[in-house]
Each structure stands twice: as C-alpha cells, then as structure tokens.
Amino acid sequence: MGQKKGGMTREEVQAYLGARFMEKFNDWIAGQTCPVLPGGKTGFYKWDVERFADAILERKPTYFD
C-alpha cells in the first residue's frame, strides 16, 4: 500500500477504504498533520489510515482520539 515512504495519496486512501468511508475519513482526518507528497499533493500517513480503518471497521479503540 502506498508507493511513497509512509505517505498515501487521496486516491490510494479511497482504494484502501472504499468510497463508502471517504466522507467519514475526511471528517476524521481534518485538522491532523498530513505530509506533502511529490508534486505538492496532500498525502496521508499510512498509520493514520490504518488506525481509522481499525476504528471504523473493527471497532478498535484509538488512543489519540
């Protein structure tokens, strides 16, 4: 997942989470630190995407939220 070291594009996040969860992800990620990927695109840290997926899909509690 993700061709960049630790960073994912919006398209990669949507492929990983599916369109169904993108609106919830956008609300959840708002205000968090995100990397700037080559070409100036906003990226998302892989561990944040996985933590979100764990919280939503597997109901695992997160310890930062």
N, C-alpha and C. Protein backbone atom coordinates (compact mmCIF):
# COMPACT_ATOMS: atom_id res chain seq x y z
N MET A 1 0.84 -1.17 0.00
CA MET A 1 0.00 0.00 0.00
C MET A 1 0.88 1.23 0.00
N GLY A 2 0.59 2.16 -0.86
CA GLY A 2 1.33 3.42 -0.89
C GLY A 2 2.71 3.26 -1.46
N GLN A 3 2.99 3.98 -2.51
CA GLN A 3 4.29 3.88 -3.13
C GLN A 3 5.30 4.82 -2.48
N LYS A 4 4.83 5.78 -1.71
CA LYS A 4 5.71 6.70 -1.03
C LYS A 4 6.04 6.17 0.35
N LYS A 5 7.15 6.59 0.88
CA LYS A 5 7.57 6.12 2.20
C LYS A 5 6.63 6.67 3.27
N GLY A 6 5.65 5.87 3.67
CA GLY A 6 4.74 6.27 4.73
C GLY A 6 3.61 7.17 4.30
N GLY A 7 3.58 7.63 3.06
CA GLY A 7 2.53 8.55 2.61
C GLY A 7 1.64 7.91 1.56
N MET A 8 0.38 8.32 1.57
CA MET A 8 -0.59 7.81 0.61
C MET A 8 -1.31 8.98 -0.03
N THR A 9 -1.65 8.85 -1.31
CA THR A 9 -2.44 9.87 -1.99
C THR A 9 -3.91 9.67 -1.63
N ARG A 10 -4.73 10.67 -1.93
CA ARG A 10 -6.17 10.56 -1.70
C ARG A 10 -6.73 9.37 -2.47
N GLU A 11 -6.25 9.15 -3.69
CA GLU A 11 -6.73 8.03 -4.50
C GLU A 11 -6.38 6.69 -3.84
N GLU A 12 -5.18 6.58 -3.26
CA GLU A 12 -4.78 5.35 -2.58
C GLU A 12 -5.62 5.11 -1.33
N VAL A 13 -5.90 6.18 -0.60
CA VAL A 13 -6.75 6.06 0.59
C VAL A 13 -8.14 5.60 0.18
N GLN A 14 -8.70 6.17 -0.88
CA GLN A 14 -10.03 5.78 -1.32
C GLN A 14 -10.05 4.32 -1.79
N ALA A 15 -8.99 3.89 -2.46
CA ALA A 15 -8.92 2.49 -2.89
C ALA A 15 -8.83 1.56 -1.68
N TYR A 16 -8.13 1.99 -0.64
CA TYR A 16 -7.97 1.18 0.57
C TYR A 16 -9.26 1.14 1.39
N LEU A 17 -9.89 2.29 1.56
CA LEU A 17 -11.08 2.38 2.41
C LEU A 17 -12.39 2.17 1.65
N GLY A 18 -12.38 2.49 0.38
CA GLY A 18 -13.61 2.45 -0.42
C GLY A 18 -14.33 3.78 -0.30
N ALA A 19 -15.09 4.10 -1.30
CA ALA A 19 -15.80 5.37 -1.35
C ALA A 19 -16.75 5.55 -0.18
N ARG A 20 -17.29 4.46 0.32
CA ARG A 20 -18.26 4.49 1.42
C ARG A 20 -17.72 5.20 2.66
N PHE A 21 -16.43 5.05 2.92
CA PHE A 21 -15.86 5.59 4.15
C PHE A 21 -15.08 6.88 3.95
N MET A 22 -14.98 7.38 2.72
CA MET A 22 -14.17 8.58 2.48
C MET A 22 -14.73 9.81 3.18
N GLU A 23 -16.03 9.98 3.22
CA GLU A 23 -16.60 11.16 3.89
C GLU A 23 -16.27 11.12 5.38
N LYS A 24 -16.42 9.96 6.01
CA LYS A 24 -16.07 9.83 7.43
C LYS A 24 -14.57 10.05 7.63
N PHE A 25 -13.75 9.53 6.72
CA PHE A 25 -12.31 9.72 6.83
C PHE A 25 -11.97 11.20 6.71
N ASN A 26 -12.57 11.90 5.77
CA ASN A 26 -12.30 13.33 5.59
C ASN A 26 -12.64 14.11 6.86
N ASP A 27 -13.76 13.78 7.50
CA ASP A 27 -14.13 14.44 8.76
C ASP A 27 -13.12 14.10 9.85
N TRP A 28 -12.73 12.85 9.92
CA TRP A 28 -11.81 12.38 10.96
C TRP A 28 -10.41 12.96 10.80
N ILE A 29 -9.91 13.06 9.58
CA ILE A 29 -8.53 13.49 9.33
C ILE A 29 -8.38 15.02 9.40
N ALA A 30 -9.49 15.75 9.32
CA ALA A 30 -9.44 17.22 9.33
C ALA A 30 -8.71 17.71 10.58
N GLY A 31 -7.76 18.59 10.36
CA GLY A 31 -7.01 19.18 11.46
C GLY A 31 -5.80 18.38 11.89
N GLN A 32 -5.58 17.22 11.29
CA GLN A 32 -4.41 16.41 11.64
C GLN A 32 -3.27 16.73 10.68
N THR A 33 -2.07 16.45 11.11
CA THR A 33 -0.89 16.68 10.29
C THR A 33 -0.85 15.67 9.15
N CYS A 34 -0.61 16.16 7.94
CA CYS A 34 -0.50 15.30 6.76
C CYS A 34 0.75 15.69 5.98
N PRO A 35 1.39 14.71 5.32
CA PRO A 35 2.59 15.03 4.55
C PRO A 35 2.25 15.68 3.21
N VAL A 36 3.22 16.39 2.66
CA VAL A 36 3.11 16.91 1.31
C VAL A 36 3.91 15.95 0.43
N LEU A 37 3.25 15.36 -0.55
CA LEU A 37 3.88 14.37 -1.43
C LEU A 37 4.53 15.06 -2.62
N PRO A 38 5.37 14.33 -3.35
CA PRO A 38 5.97 14.92 -4.54
C PRO A 38 4.89 15.49 -5.47
N GLY A 39 5.17 16.62 -6.04
CA GLY A 39 4.21 17.29 -6.90
C GLY A 39 3.29 18.22 -6.13
N GLY A 40 3.48 18.30 -4.80
CA GLY A 40 2.70 19.22 -3.99
C GLY A 40 1.35 18.70 -3.53
N LYS A 41 1.03 17.43 -3.80
CA LYS A 41 -0.25 16.87 -3.36
C LYS A 41 -0.23 16.63 -1.86
N THR A 42 -1.39 16.80 -1.25
CA THR A 42 -1.54 16.45 0.16
C THR A 42 -1.60 14.94 0.26
N GLY A 43 -0.85 14.38 1.20
CA GLY A 43 -0.85 12.94 1.42
C GLY A 43 -1.44 12.62 2.78
N PHE A 44 -1.44 11.35 3.11
CA PHE A 44 -1.96 10.88 4.39
C PHE A 44 -1.00 9.82 4.90
N TYR A 45 -0.69 9.89 6.19
CA TYR A 45 0.19 8.88 6.76
C TYR A 45 -0.51 7.53 6.80
N LYS A 46 0.20 6.52 6.36
CA LYS A 46 -0.33 5.16 6.29
C LYS A 46 -0.87 4.71 7.65
N TRP A 47 -0.16 5.02 8.72
CA TRP A 47 -0.58 4.59 10.05
C TRP A 47 -1.88 5.28 10.47
N ASP A 48 -2.11 6.51 10.02
CA ASP A 48 -3.39 7.17 10.32
C ASP A 48 -4.53 6.49 9.57
N VAL A 49 -4.30 6.15 8.30
CA VAL A 49 -5.33 5.48 7.51
C VAL A 49 -5.66 4.12 8.13
N GLU A 50 -4.63 3.38 8.53
CA GLU A 50 -4.86 2.07 9.15
C GLU A 50 -5.57 2.20 10.50
N ARG A 51 -5.21 3.21 11.28
CA ARG A 51 -5.86 3.43 12.58
C ARG A 51 -7.34 3.78 12.38
N PHE A 52 -7.63 4.62 11.39
CA PHE A 52 -9.02 4.95 11.08
C PHE A 52 -9.79 3.69 10.67
N ALA A 53 -9.20 2.90 9.79
CA ALA A 53 -9.86 1.67 9.33
C ALA A 53 -10.12 0.72 10.50
N ASP A 54 -9.14 0.58 11.39
CA ASP A 54 -9.32 -0.27 12.58
C ASP A 54 -10.47 0.24 13.44
N ALA A 55 -10.55 1.54 13.62
CA ALA A 55 -11.60 2.13 14.47
C ALA A 55 -12.98 1.95 13.85
N ILE A 56 -13.10 2.17 12.55
CA ILE A 56 -14.39 2.10 11.88
C ILE A 56 -14.81 0.67 11.57
N LEU A 57 -13.90 -0.10 11.01
CA LEU A 57 -14.26 -1.43 10.52
C LEU A 57 -14.18 -2.51 11.58
N GLU A 58 -13.25 -2.36 12.52
CA GLU A 58 -13.06 -3.41 13.53
C GLU A 58 -13.42 -2.94 14.93
N ARG A 59 -13.86 -1.69 15.04
CA ARG A 59 -14.27 -1.10 16.33
C ARG A 59 -13.16 -1.13 17.37
N LYS A 60 -11.90 -1.08 16.90
CA LYS A 60 -10.78 -1.00 17.84
C LYS A 60 -10.68 0.43 18.34
N PRO A 61 -10.57 0.62 19.64
CA PRO A 61 -10.43 2.00 20.14
C PRO A 61 -9.09 2.59 19.75
N THR A 62 -9.10 3.88 19.45
CA THR A 62 -7.84 4.56 19.18
C THR A 62 -7.44 5.29 20.45
N TYR A 63 -6.20 5.52 20.62
CA TYR A 63 -5.73 6.14 21.85
C TYR A 63 -5.35 7.59 21.68
N PHE A 64 -5.57 8.16 20.50
CA PHE A 64 -5.29 9.58 20.29
C PHE A 64 -6.56 10.40 20.15
N ASP A 65 -7.67 9.75 19.91
CA ASP A 65 -8.92 10.49 19.65
C ASP A 65 -9.79 10.58 20.88
